[in-house]
């Protein structure tokens, strides 16, 4: 059980780093289509990160109503970011072709 917590922590750190990377790439890009593509990738990574945070809050800590509410909000925000990122990635990918 402990190694799962370590794995989730490492995955959260990786998605955080990739989100920051794509954030810098999207802000420095001058071409609109590439800028949107990097922002979409940032949203996808951020959505995955929020879902991983919610999993750790919901399943690996003591039961409390605050953790349950926080985990549920993180899941909803993560799913929204993931959906918006996938949708925007397809849109800007078609623009680049």
N, C-alpha and C. Protein backbone atom coordinates (compact mmCIF):
# COMPACT_ATOMS: atom_id res chain seq x y z
N UNK A 1 0.83 -1.19 0.00
CA UNK A 1 0.00 0.00 0.00
C UNK A 1 0.87 1.26 0.00
N UNK A 2 1.99 1.19 0.70
CA UNK A 2 2.87 2.35 0.79
C UNK A 2 3.47 2.71 -0.57
N UNK A 3 3.81 1.69 -1.37
CA UNK A 3 4.42 1.96 -2.67
C UNK A 3 3.43 2.61 -3.63
N UNK A 4 2.14 2.36 -3.45
CA UNK A 4 1.13 3.02 -4.28
C UNK A 4 1.09 4.52 -3.97
N UNK A 5 1.22 4.86 -2.70
CA UNK A 5 1.25 6.27 -2.32
C UNK A 5 2.47 6.97 -2.91
N UNK A 6 3.61 6.29 -2.86
CA UNK A 6 4.84 6.86 -3.44
C UNK A 6 4.67 7.02 -4.96
N UNK A 7 4.10 6.01 -5.61
CA UNK A 7 3.88 6.09 -7.05
C UNK A 7 2.95 7.24 -7.41
N UNK A 8 1.87 7.42 -6.67
CA UNK A 8 0.95 8.53 -6.93
C UNK A 8 1.63 9.88 -6.70
N UNK A 9 2.46 9.97 -5.66
CA UNK A 9 3.19 11.22 -5.41
C UNK A 9 4.13 11.53 -6.57
N UNK A 10 4.83 10.52 -7.08
CA UNK A 10 5.74 10.73 -8.21
C UNK A 10 4.96 11.14 -9.45
N UNK A 11 3.82 10.49 -9.70
CA UNK A 11 3.00 10.86 -10.86
C UNK A 11 2.46 12.28 -10.74
N UNK A 12 2.07 12.68 -9.54
CA UNK A 12 1.60 14.06 -9.33
C UNK A 12 2.73 15.05 -9.62
N UNK A 13 3.93 14.75 -9.16
CA UNK A 13 5.06 15.64 -9.42
C UNK A 13 5.40 15.70 -10.91
N UNK A 14 5.30 14.57 -11.60
CA UNK A 14 5.59 14.55 -13.04
C UNK A 14 4.55 15.37 -13.80
N UNK A 15 3.26 15.18 -13.49
CA UNK A 15 2.24 15.95 -14.20
C UNK A 15 2.32 17.43 -13.86
N UNK A 16 2.74 17.76 -12.63
CA UNK A 16 2.95 19.16 -12.28
C UNK A 16 4.06 19.77 -13.12
N UNK A 17 5.18 19.05 -13.25
CA UNK A 17 6.32 19.56 -14.02
C UNK A 17 5.96 19.72 -15.50
N UNK A 18 5.23 18.75 -16.05
CA UNK A 18 4.85 18.84 -17.46
C UNK A 18 3.85 19.97 -17.67
N UNK A 19 2.95 20.19 -16.71
CA UNK A 19 2.00 21.30 -16.81
C UNK A 19 2.73 22.64 -16.82
N UNK A 20 3.71 22.79 -15.96
CA UNK A 20 4.49 24.03 -15.92
C UNK A 20 5.26 24.21 -17.22
N UNK A 21 5.82 23.12 -17.73
CA UNK A 21 6.56 23.19 -19.00
C UNK A 21 5.66 23.67 -20.14
N UNK A 22 4.48 23.06 -20.28
CA UNK A 22 3.57 23.46 -21.36
C UNK A 22 3.02 24.86 -21.13
N UNK A 23 2.90 25.29 -19.88
CA UNK A 23 2.46 26.65 -19.60
C UNK A 23 3.48 27.66 -20.11
N UNK A 24 4.76 27.41 -19.83
CA UNK A 24 5.80 28.29 -20.34
C UNK A 24 5.86 28.27 -21.86
N UNK A 25 5.72 27.08 -22.45
CA UNK A 25 5.76 26.97 -23.91
C UNK A 25 4.61 27.74 -24.55
N UNK A 26 3.41 27.64 -23.95
CA UNK A 26 2.26 28.32 -24.56
C UNK A 26 2.36 29.83 -24.42
N UNK A 27 2.95 30.30 -23.34
CA UNK A 27 3.06 31.75 -23.15
C UNK A 27 4.15 32.37 -24.02
N UNK A 28 5.15 31.61 -24.37
CA UNK A 28 6.25 32.14 -25.18
C UNK A 28 6.02 31.97 -26.68
N UNK A 29 5.06 31.15 -27.06
CA UNK A 29 4.81 30.88 -28.48
C UNK A 29 4.08 32.07 -29.12
N UNK A 30 4.51 32.41 -30.33
CA UNK A 30 3.87 33.53 -31.03
C UNK A 30 2.79 33.05 -31.99
N UNK A 31 2.94 31.86 -32.53
CA UNK A 31 1.95 31.32 -33.46
C UNK A 31 0.72 30.86 -32.69
N UNK A 32 -0.44 31.29 -33.11
CA UNK A 32 -1.68 31.07 -32.36
C UNK A 32 -2.03 29.59 -32.23
N UNK A 33 -1.89 28.83 -33.31
CA UNK A 33 -2.27 27.42 -33.28
C UNK A 33 -1.37 26.63 -32.32
N UNK A 34 -0.07 26.88 -32.39
CA UNK A 34 0.84 26.18 -31.48
C UNK A 34 0.61 26.62 -30.03
N UNK A 35 0.30 27.88 -29.85
CA UNK A 35 0.02 28.38 -28.50
C UNK A 35 -1.19 27.67 -27.90
N UNK A 36 -2.23 27.51 -28.70
CA UNK A 36 -3.42 26.80 -28.24
C UNK A 36 -3.15 25.33 -28.01
N UNK A 37 -2.30 24.73 -28.85
CA UNK A 37 -1.95 23.32 -28.68
C UNK A 37 -1.21 23.09 -27.37
N UNK A 38 -0.28 23.98 -27.05
CA UNK A 38 0.45 23.84 -25.78
C UNK A 38 -0.46 24.09 -24.58
N UNK A 39 -1.37 25.03 -24.72
CA UNK A 39 -2.32 25.29 -23.63
C UNK A 39 -3.25 24.08 -23.44
N UNK A 40 -3.64 23.43 -24.52
CA UNK A 40 -4.48 22.24 -24.41
C UNK A 40 -3.73 21.11 -23.73
N UNK A 41 -2.46 20.94 -24.07
CA UNK A 41 -1.65 19.90 -23.41
C UNK A 41 -1.48 20.22 -21.92
N UNK A 42 -1.34 21.50 -21.59
CA UNK A 42 -1.26 21.90 -20.19
C UNK A 42 -2.55 21.54 -19.46
N UNK A 43 -3.70 21.78 -20.10
CA UNK A 43 -4.98 21.44 -19.49
C UNK A 43 -5.12 19.94 -19.27
N UNK A 44 -4.67 19.14 -20.22
CA UNK A 44 -4.74 17.69 -20.07
C UNK A 44 -3.89 17.24 -18.88
N UNK A 45 -2.67 17.75 -18.79
CA UNK A 45 -1.79 17.37 -17.68
C UNK A 45 -2.35 17.86 -16.35
N UNK A 46 -2.91 19.05 -16.33
CA UNK A 46 -3.48 19.59 -15.11
C UNK A 46 -4.70 18.77 -14.67
N UNK A 47 -5.50 18.34 -15.64
CA UNK A 47 -6.65 17.50 -15.32
C UNK A 47 -6.23 16.17 -14.72
N UNK A 48 -5.20 15.55 -15.31
CA UNK A 48 -4.68 14.31 -14.75
C UNK A 48 -4.12 14.52 -13.34
N UNK A 49 -3.43 15.62 -13.15
CA UNK A 49 -2.86 15.92 -11.83
C UNK A 49 -3.97 16.08 -10.79
N UNK A 50 -5.03 16.80 -11.13
CA UNK A 50 -6.13 16.99 -10.19
C UNK A 50 -6.83 15.68 -9.87
N UNK A 51 -6.97 14.81 -10.85
CA UNK A 51 -7.58 13.51 -10.60
C UNK A 51 -6.69 12.67 -9.68
N UNK A 52 -5.39 12.71 -9.89
CA UNK A 52 -4.47 11.97 -9.02
C UNK A 52 -4.50 12.52 -7.59
N UNK A 53 -4.57 13.83 -7.45
CA UNK A 53 -4.68 14.43 -6.11
C UNK A 53 -5.97 13.97 -5.44
N UNK A 54 -7.05 13.93 -6.20
CA UNK A 54 -8.33 13.49 -5.63
C UNK A 54 -8.27 12.03 -5.19
N UNK A 55 -7.59 11.19 -5.97
CA UNK A 55 -7.47 9.78 -5.59
C UNK A 55 -6.72 9.65 -4.28
N UNK A 56 -5.65 10.41 -4.12
CA UNK A 56 -4.91 10.33 -2.86
C UNK A 56 -5.74 10.83 -1.69
N UNK A 57 -6.54 11.86 -1.89
CA UNK A 57 -7.36 12.40 -0.80
C UNK A 57 -8.50 11.46 -0.45
N UNK A 58 -9.08 10.82 -1.44
CA UNK A 58 -10.25 10.00 -1.18
C UNK A 58 -9.91 8.62 -0.63
N UNK A 59 -8.77 8.05 -1.00
CA UNK A 59 -8.51 6.66 -0.67
C UNK A 59 -7.36 6.40 0.30
N UNK A 60 -6.47 7.35 0.51
CA UNK A 60 -5.29 7.04 1.30
C UNK A 60 -5.18 7.78 2.62
N UNK A 61 -6.16 8.55 2.99
CA UNK A 61 -6.12 9.26 4.26
C UNK A 61 -7.35 8.92 5.07
N UNK A 62 -7.35 9.35 6.31
CA UNK A 62 -8.49 9.05 7.18
C UNK A 62 -9.76 9.69 6.66
N UNK A 63 -10.86 9.06 6.98
CA UNK A 63 -12.16 9.54 6.52
C UNK A 63 -12.54 10.84 7.22
N UNK A 64 -12.85 11.84 6.45
CA UNK A 64 -13.42 13.06 6.99
C UNK A 64 -14.24 13.70 5.88
N UNK A 65 -15.24 14.44 6.28
CA UNK A 65 -16.13 15.03 5.27
C UNK A 65 -15.39 16.10 4.46
N UNK A 66 -14.45 16.81 5.08
CA UNK A 66 -13.70 17.82 4.33
C UNK A 66 -12.86 17.18 3.24
N UNK A 67 -12.16 16.09 3.55
CA UNK A 67 -11.36 15.40 2.53
C UNK A 67 -12.24 14.86 1.41
N UNK A 68 -13.41 14.35 1.76
CA UNK A 68 -14.31 13.82 0.76
C UNK A 68 -14.81 14.94 -0.17
N UNK A 69 -15.17 16.09 0.39
CA UNK A 69 -15.63 17.22 -0.41
C UNK A 69 -14.49 17.74 -1.29
N UNK A 70 -13.30 17.88 -0.70
CA UNK A 70 -12.14 18.36 -1.45
C UNK A 70 -11.80 17.40 -2.59
N UNK A 71 -11.83 16.10 -2.32
CA UNK A 71 -11.55 15.10 -3.35
C UNK A 71 -12.57 15.13 -4.46
N UNK A 72 -13.83 15.30 -4.12
CA UNK A 72 -14.88 15.36 -5.13
C UNK A 72 -14.72 16.59 -6.01
N UNK A 73 -14.40 17.71 -5.40
CA UNK A 73 -14.19 18.95 -6.18
C UNK A 73 -12.99 18.78 -7.11
N UNK A 74 -11.92 18.17 -6.61
CA UNK A 74 -10.74 17.94 -7.46
C UNK A 74 -11.05 17.01 -8.63
N UNK A 75 -11.87 15.97 -8.39
CA UNK A 75 -12.25 15.07 -9.47
C UNK A 75 -13.04 15.83 -10.53
N UNK A 76 -14.00 16.64 -10.10
CA UNK A 76 -14.82 17.38 -11.06
C UNK A 76 -13.99 18.38 -11.86
N UNK A 77 -13.11 19.12 -11.18
CA UNK A 77 -12.24 20.06 -11.89
C UNK A 77 -11.28 19.33 -12.83
N UNK A 78 -10.75 18.20 -12.37
CA UNK A 78 -9.84 17.42 -13.21
C UNK A 78 -10.51 16.88 -14.45
N UNK A 79 -11.73 16.36 -14.30
CA UNK A 79 -12.45 15.85 -15.46
C UNK A 79 -12.79 16.96 -16.44
N UNK A 80 -13.17 18.13 -15.91
CA UNK A 80 -13.46 19.26 -16.79
C UNK A 80 -12.20 19.69 -17.55
N UNK A 81 -11.07 19.81 -16.85
CA UNK A 81 -9.82 20.20 -17.52
C UNK A 81 -9.41 19.15 -18.55
N UNK A 82 -9.56 17.89 -18.21
CA UNK A 82 -9.21 16.82 -19.14
C UNK A 82 -10.08 16.88 -20.39
N UNK A 83 -11.38 17.04 -20.21
CA UNK A 83 -12.30 17.12 -21.35
C UNK A 83 -12.00 18.35 -22.21
N UNK A 84 -11.83 19.51 -21.57
CA UNK A 84 -11.55 20.74 -22.33
C UNK A 84 -10.21 20.64 -23.05
N UNK A 85 -9.22 20.06 -22.40
CA UNK A 85 -7.91 19.92 -23.03
C UNK A 85 -7.94 19.00 -24.23
N UNK A 86 -8.65 17.88 -24.12
CA UNK A 86 -8.75 16.95 -25.26
C UNK A 86 -9.51 17.60 -26.41
N UNK A 87 -10.59 18.30 -26.09
CA UNK A 87 -11.38 18.97 -27.13
C UNK A 87 -10.54 20.05 -27.82
N UNK A 88 -9.85 20.89 -27.05
CA UNK A 88 -9.04 21.95 -27.63
C UNK A 88 -7.84 21.41 -28.39
N UNK A 89 -7.27 20.32 -27.90
CA UNK A 89 -6.13 19.72 -28.59
C UNK A 89 -6.53 19.27 -30.00
N UNK A 90 -7.70 18.66 -30.10
CA UNK A 90 -8.18 18.26 -31.42
C UNK A 90 -8.42 19.44 -32.32
N UNK A 91 -8.98 20.50 -31.76
CA UNK A 91 -9.27 21.70 -32.56
C UNK A 91 -7.98 22.34 -33.08
N UNK A 92 -7.01 22.55 -32.20
CA UNK A 92 -5.77 23.22 -32.63
C UNK A 92 -4.89 22.30 -33.45
N UNK A 93 -5.00 21.00 -33.26
CA UNK A 93 -4.26 20.06 -34.10
C UNK A 93 -4.77 20.11 -35.53
N UNK A 94 -6.09 20.22 -35.69
CA UNK A 94 -6.66 20.37 -37.04
C UNK A 94 -6.25 21.70 -37.66
N UNK A 95 -6.11 22.74 -36.85
CA UNK A 95 -5.68 24.04 -37.39
C UNK A 95 -4.25 24.00 -37.93
N UNK A 96 -3.41 23.21 -37.29
CA UNK A 96 -2.02 23.12 -37.73
C UNK A 96 -1.85 22.34 -39.04
N UNK A 97 -2.79 21.45 -39.33
CA UNK A 97 -2.67 20.64 -40.55
C UNK A 97 -3.05 21.39 -41.78
